[in-house]
């Protein structure tokens, strides 16, 4: 488990879901760890009025959005999920932000890159190296240069932490992570960090 939690008031799930590994689907199965809260999971994480109030010029919009997201408990929790090895759950959490940000806006495409990072980690747990490579490649396309110094373009994530995670996934060598029976397994050593 990482040393830093960004939304420590929100409890982490009891297991990290891996498709086809015998654990209940978190949302669809009544025994799933998100089943009772599935309405909250799929509720828009950003109010439409907040999005409408964002500045129109790109640099100001990115600064305002980065500040808005890093203060958002659901955004912070999505980072906790990823850092804790709950990759499927992080994917789901980020998907709500992707949709709320308009799916095709530059900010939404960045979040889509985070979704692909989480999907690559799920593919590691599934033992599917071709899926790891495909999702990592797509994440790199969507995230742009994660090592760039402007954290506002990274929606409040520390660029060096993002670059380290992307590099680690890009250098992934097939291993037997998928055979691990632990309820949660971290497959990347790096953590995503919020700036500041």
Protein backbone atom coordinates (compact mmCIF):
# COMPACT_ATOMS: atom_id res chain seq x y z
CA UNK A 1 0.00 0.00 0.00
CA UNK A 2 1.32 3.47 -0.77
CA UNK A 3 2.30 5.72 2.12
CA UNK A 4 0.15 8.63 0.91
CA UNK A 5 -3.63 8.44 0.66
CA UNK A 6 -5.44 11.38 -0.88
CA UNK A 7 -8.97 10.44 0.21
CA UNK A 8 -8.28 8.51 3.40
CA UNK A 9 -11.85 9.05 4.65
CA UNK A 10 -13.11 6.77 1.85
CA UNK A 11 -12.48 3.11 2.54
CA UNK A 12 -10.66 1.05 -0.08
CA UNK A 13 -12.48 -2.01 -1.47
CA UNK A 14 -11.91 -5.49 -0.03
CA UNK A 15 -10.54 -6.77 -3.36
CA UNK A 16 -9.34 -5.58 -6.74
CA UNK A 17 -11.58 -6.98 -9.44
CA UNK A 18 -9.99 -9.04 -12.21
CA UNK A 19 -12.37 -10.25 -14.95
CA UNK A 20 -12.63 -14.02 -15.04
CA UNK A 21 -10.90 -14.64 -11.72
CA UNK A 22 -13.89 -15.77 -9.69
CA UNK A 23 -14.52 -12.66 -7.61
CA UNK A 24 -17.96 -11.05 -7.84
CA UNK A 25 -18.32 -8.28 -10.39
CA UNK A 26 -18.17 -5.13 -8.23
CA UNK A 27 -21.29 -3.47 -9.67
CA UNK A 28 -23.40 -6.12 -11.42
CA UNK A 29 -23.21 -8.90 -8.81
CA UNK A 30 -25.23 -8.38 -5.60
CA UNK A 31 -22.15 -9.65 -3.69
CA UNK A 32 -19.92 -7.10 -5.45
CA UNK A 33 -18.20 -4.50 -3.30
CA UNK A 34 -19.76 -1.59 -5.25
CA UNK A 35 -23.21 -3.09 -5.84
CA UNK A 36 -24.97 -1.21 -3.04
CA UNK A 37 -23.36 2.07 -4.13
CA UNK A 38 -23.57 1.66 -7.91
CA UNK A 39 -25.77 4.78 -8.26
CA UNK A 40 -23.13 6.88 -6.49
CA UNK A 41 -20.35 5.27 -8.56
CA UNK A 42 -22.05 6.26 -11.80
CA UNK A 43 -23.26 9.71 -10.70
CA UNK A 44 -21.47 12.57 -12.50
CA UNK A 45 -18.35 13.44 -10.45
CA UNK A 46 -18.47 17.10 -11.54
CA UNK A 47 -21.54 19.29 -11.52
CA UNK A 48 -22.49 20.72 -14.91
CA UNK A 49 -22.54 24.21 -13.35
CA UNK A 50 -18.90 23.77 -12.26
CA UNK A 51 -17.84 22.74 -15.76
CA UNK A 52 -19.78 25.62 -17.30
CA UNK A 53 -17.99 28.10 -15.04
CA UNK A 54 -14.54 27.09 -16.29
CA UNK A 55 -12.59 29.72 -18.27
CA UNK A 56 -12.60 29.36 -22.03
CA UNK A 57 -8.91 29.95 -22.78
CA UNK A 58 -6.95 26.68 -22.61
CA UNK A 59 -4.28 27.62 -20.05
CA UNK A 60 -6.71 29.17 -17.58
CA UNK A 61 -9.15 26.31 -18.08
CA UNK A 62 -6.43 23.74 -17.33
CA UNK A 63 -5.35 25.59 -14.17
CA UNK A 64 -8.91 25.91 -12.91
CA UNK A 65 -9.74 22.32 -13.75
CA UNK A 66 -6.55 21.02 -12.10
CA UNK A 67 -7.49 22.91 -8.92
CA UNK A 68 -11.08 21.67 -9.09
CA UNK A 69 -10.05 18.06 -9.58
CA UNK A 70 -7.34 17.94 -6.93
CA UNK A 71 -9.92 19.23 -4.43
CA UNK A 72 -12.51 16.64 -5.57
CA UNK A 73 -12.69 13.64 -3.19
CA UNK A 74 -13.71 11.28 -6.02
CA UNK A 75 -10.68 12.31 -8.13
CA UNK A 76 -8.41 11.86 -5.12
CA UNK A 77 -10.01 8.47 -4.42
CA UNK A 78 -9.45 7.34 -8.03
CA UNK A 79 -5.75 8.04 -7.53
CA UNK A 80 -5.81 6.10 -4.25
CA UNK A 81 -7.44 3.19 -6.06
CA UNK A 82 -4.79 3.15 -8.78
CA UNK A 83 -1.91 3.51 -6.31
CA UNK A 84 -3.35 0.78 -4.10
CA UNK A 85 -3.61 -1.81 -6.90
CA UNK A 86 -7.36 -1.47 -7.47
CA UNK A 87 -6.93 -0.94 -11.20
CA UNK A 88 -10.37 -2.00 -12.43
CA UNK A 89 -11.96 0.24 -9.81
CA UNK A 90 -9.69 3.19 -10.74
CA UNK A 91 -10.69 2.68 -14.38
CA UNK A 92 -14.36 2.92 -13.39
CA UNK A 93 -13.79 5.99 -11.22
CA UNK A 94 -11.90 7.83 -13.97
CA UNK A 95 -14.52 6.89 -16.54
CA UNK A 96 -17.02 9.12 -14.73
CA UNK A 97 -14.62 12.07 -15.05
CA UNK A 98 -13.96 11.26 -18.71
CA UNK A 99 -17.69 11.41 -19.43
CA UNK A 100 -18.23 14.51 -17.28
CA UNK A 101 -15.43 16.32 -19.14
CA UNK A 102 -17.07 15.72 -22.50
CA UNK A 103 -15.24 12.58 -23.75
CA UNK A 104 -13.48 14.43 -26.60
CA UNK A 105 -12.14 17.57 -24.93
CA UNK A 106 -8.37 17.72 -24.33
CA UNK A 107 -8.97 17.21 -20.60
CA UNK A 108 -11.25 14.22 -21.23
CA UNK A 109 -8.66 12.69 -23.54
CA UNK A 110 -6.07 13.03 -20.76
CA UNK A 111 -8.41 11.21 -18.36
CA UNK A 112 -8.95 8.59 -21.06
CA UNK A 113 -5.17 8.09 -21.00
CA UNK A 114 -5.37 7.40 -17.25
CA UNK A 115 -8.15 4.90 -17.95
CA UNK A 116 -5.83 3.11 -20.39
CA UNK A 117 -3.05 3.03 -17.75
CA UNK A 118 -5.45 1.31 -15.35
CA UNK A 119 -6.60 -1.06 -18.11
CA UNK A 120 -2.97 -1.99 -18.83
CA UNK A 121 -2.56 -2.93 -15.17
CA UNK A 122 -5.72 -5.06 -15.30
CA UNK A 123 -4.25 -6.82 -18.34
CA UNK A 124 -1.08 -7.54 -16.36
CA UNK A 125 -3.21 -9.19 -13.66
CA UNK A 126 -5.06 -11.14 -16.36
CA UNK A 127 -1.77 -12.34 -17.85
CA UNK A 128 -2.42 -10.73 -21.25
CA UNK A 129 0.82 -9.05 -22.43
CA UNK A 130 -0.64 -7.99 -25.79
CA UNK A 131 -3.38 -6.11 -23.92
CA UNK A 132 -0.78 -4.48 -21.66
CA UNK A 133 1.16 -3.24 -24.69
CA UNK A 134 -1.98 -2.04 -26.52
CA UNK A 135 -3.36 -0.09 -23.55
CA UNK A 136 0.05 1.37 -22.65
CA UNK A 137 0.58 2.55 -26.23
CA UNK A 138 -2.85 4.18 -26.28
CA UNK A 139 -2.23 5.80 -22.87
CA UNK A 140 0.99 7.33 -24.17
CA UNK A 141 -0.84 8.76 -27.19
CA UNK A 142 -3.56 10.32 -25.03
CA UNK A 143 -1.36 11.58 -22.19
CA UNK A 144 1.12 13.35 -24.45
CA UNK A 145 4.48 14.01 -22.84
CA UNK A 146 3.92 13.02 -19.19
CA UNK A 147 7.37 14.33 -18.32
CA UNK A 148 6.49 17.91 -19.29
CA UNK A 149 6.87 20.34 -16.42
CA UNK A 150 3.41 21.96 -16.69
CA UNK A 151 1.33 20.09 -14.13
CA UNK A 152 -1.78 22.06 -15.07
CA UNK A 153 -1.90 20.14 -18.34
CA UNK A 154 -1.74 16.96 -16.23
CA UNK A 155 -4.86 17.89 -14.25
CA UNK A 156 -2.96 18.29 -11.00
CA UNK A 157 -0.89 15.10 -11.24
CA UNK A 158 2.85 15.39 -10.70
CA UNK A 159 4.39 14.99 -14.18
CA UNK A 160 7.37 12.99 -12.91
CA UNK A 161 5.09 10.46 -11.19
CA UNK A 162 2.99 10.07 -14.32
CA UNK A 163 6.09 9.68 -16.49
CA UNK A 164 7.46 6.99 -14.12
CA UNK A 165 4.24 4.95 -14.26
CA UNK A 166 4.04 5.22 -18.06
CA UNK A 167 7.72 4.20 -18.41
CA UNK A 168 7.26 1.26 -16.07
CA UNK A 169 4.26 -0.01 -18.03
CA UNK A 170 6.04 0.55 -21.35
CA UNK A 171 8.90 -1.63 -20.10
CA UNK A 172 6.61 -4.36 -18.75
CA UNK A 173 7.85 -7.91 -19.20
CA UNK A 174 5.31 -10.73 -18.99
CA UNK A 175 5.15 -12.29 -15.54
CA UNK A 176 2.78 -14.53 -13.61
CA UNK A 177 0.88 -11.79 -11.79
CA UNK A 178 -2.37 -13.31 -12.96
CA UNK A 179 -1.80 -16.39 -10.80
CA UNK A 180 -1.62 -14.36 -7.58
CA UNK A 181 -4.50 -15.26 -5.27
CA UNK A 182 -4.13 -12.16 -3.10
CA UNK A 183 -7.25 -9.96 -3.13
CA UNK A 184 -5.16 -6.95 -4.19
CA UNK A 185 -1.86 -7.01 -6.08
CA UNK A 186 0.07 -3.91 -7.14
CA UNK A 187 1.73 -4.50 -10.48
CA UNK A 188 3.51 -1.15 -10.81
CA UNK A 189 5.92 0.16 -8.23
CA UNK A 190 5.35 3.83 -8.99
CA UNK A 191 2.57 5.93 -7.49
CA UNK A 192 0.67 8.75 -9.12
CA UNK A 193 1.06 11.90 -7.03
CA UNK A 194 -0.91 15.08 -6.79
CA UNK A 195 1.17 18.23 -7.15
CA UNK A 196 1.71 20.09 -3.91
